[in-house]
Amino acid sequence: MMSISAFPLSVGIAFAALSYFLLKVNGCIYICMCLEI
């Protein structure tokens, strides 16, 4: 059973993972665009 204090922590971890994933995808797209030029 999850406690109330663990909920913000899991949300923070999920948000950090999502932002890291988006940053990684955007970085790959940016590199690919630079290589095409």
C-alpha atoms as a PDB file:
ATOM      1  CA  MET A   1       0.000   0.000   0.000  1.00  0.00           C
ATOM      2  CA  MET A   2       1.386   3.360  -1.005  1.00  0.00           C
ATOM      3  CA  SER A   3       1.546   6.131   1.528  1.00  0.00           C
ATOM      4  CA  ILE A   4       0.621   9.746   0.775  1.00  0.00           C
ATOM      5  CA  SER A   5       4.239  10.894   1.084  1.00  0.00           C
ATOM      6  CA  ALA A   6       5.398   8.378  -1.536  1.00  0.00           C
ATOM      7  CA  PHE A   7       2.962   9.663  -4.151  1.00  0.00           C
ATOM      8  CA  PRO A   8       4.764  12.975  -4.934  1.00  0.00           C
ATOM      9  CA  LEU A   9       8.059  11.068  -5.087  1.00  0.00           C
ATOM     10  CA  SER A  10       6.740   8.627  -7.699  1.00  0.00           C
ATOM     11  CA  VAL A  11       5.247  11.517  -9.678  1.00  0.00           C
ATOM     12  CA  GLY A  12       8.599  13.323  -9.555  1.00  0.00           C
ATOM     13  CA  ILE A  13      10.439  10.228 -10.748  1.00  0.00           C
ATOM     14  CA  ALA A  14       7.954   9.695 -13.580  1.00  0.00           C
ATOM     15  CA  PHE A  15       8.207  13.359 -14.614  1.00  0.00           C
ATOM     16  CA  ALA A  16      12.012  13.225 -14.549  1.00  0.00           C
ATOM     17  CA  ALA A  17      12.020  10.060 -16.666  1.00  0.00           C
ATOM     18  CA  LEU A  18       9.576  11.579 -19.146  1.00  0.00           C
ATOM     19  CA  SER A  19      11.538  14.834 -19.455  1.00  0.00           C
ATOM     20  CA  TYR A  20      14.781  12.847 -19.867  1.00  0.00           C
ATOM     21  CA  PHE A  21      13.188  10.725 -22.606  1.00  0.00           C
ATOM     22  CA  LEU A  22      11.865  13.794 -24.461  1.00  0.00           C
ATOM     23  CA  LEU A  23      15.244  15.514 -24.146  1.00  0.00           C
ATOM     24  CA  LYS A  24      16.975  12.423 -25.537  1.00  0.00           C
ATOM     25  CA  VAL A  25      14.529  12.169 -28.463  1.00  0.00           C
ATOM     26  CA  ASN A  26      14.849  15.884 -29.236  1.00  0.00           C
ATOM     27  CA  GLY A  27      18.641  15.573 -29.083  1.00  0.00           C
ATOM     28  CA  CYS A  28      18.618  12.690 -31.583  1.00  0.00           C
ATOM     29  CA  ILE A  29      16.307  14.615 -33.923  1.00  0.00           C
ATOM     30  CA  TYR A  30      18.529  17.712 -33.656  1.00  0.00           C
ATOM     31  CA  ILE A  31      21.658  15.673 -34.446  1.00  0.00           C
ATOM     32  CA  CYS A  32      19.957  14.003 -37.427  1.00  0.00           C
ATOM     33  CA  MET A  33      18.850  17.394 -38.779  1.00  0.00           C
ATOM     34  CA  CYS A  34      22.387  18.756 -38.409  1.00  0.00           C
ATOM     35  CA  LEU A  35      23.843  15.740 -40.223  1.00  0.00           C
ATOM     36  CA  GLU A  36      21.437  16.178 -43.139  1.00  0.00           C
ATOM     37  CA  ILE A  37      22.617  19.730 -43.768  1.00  0.00           C
END
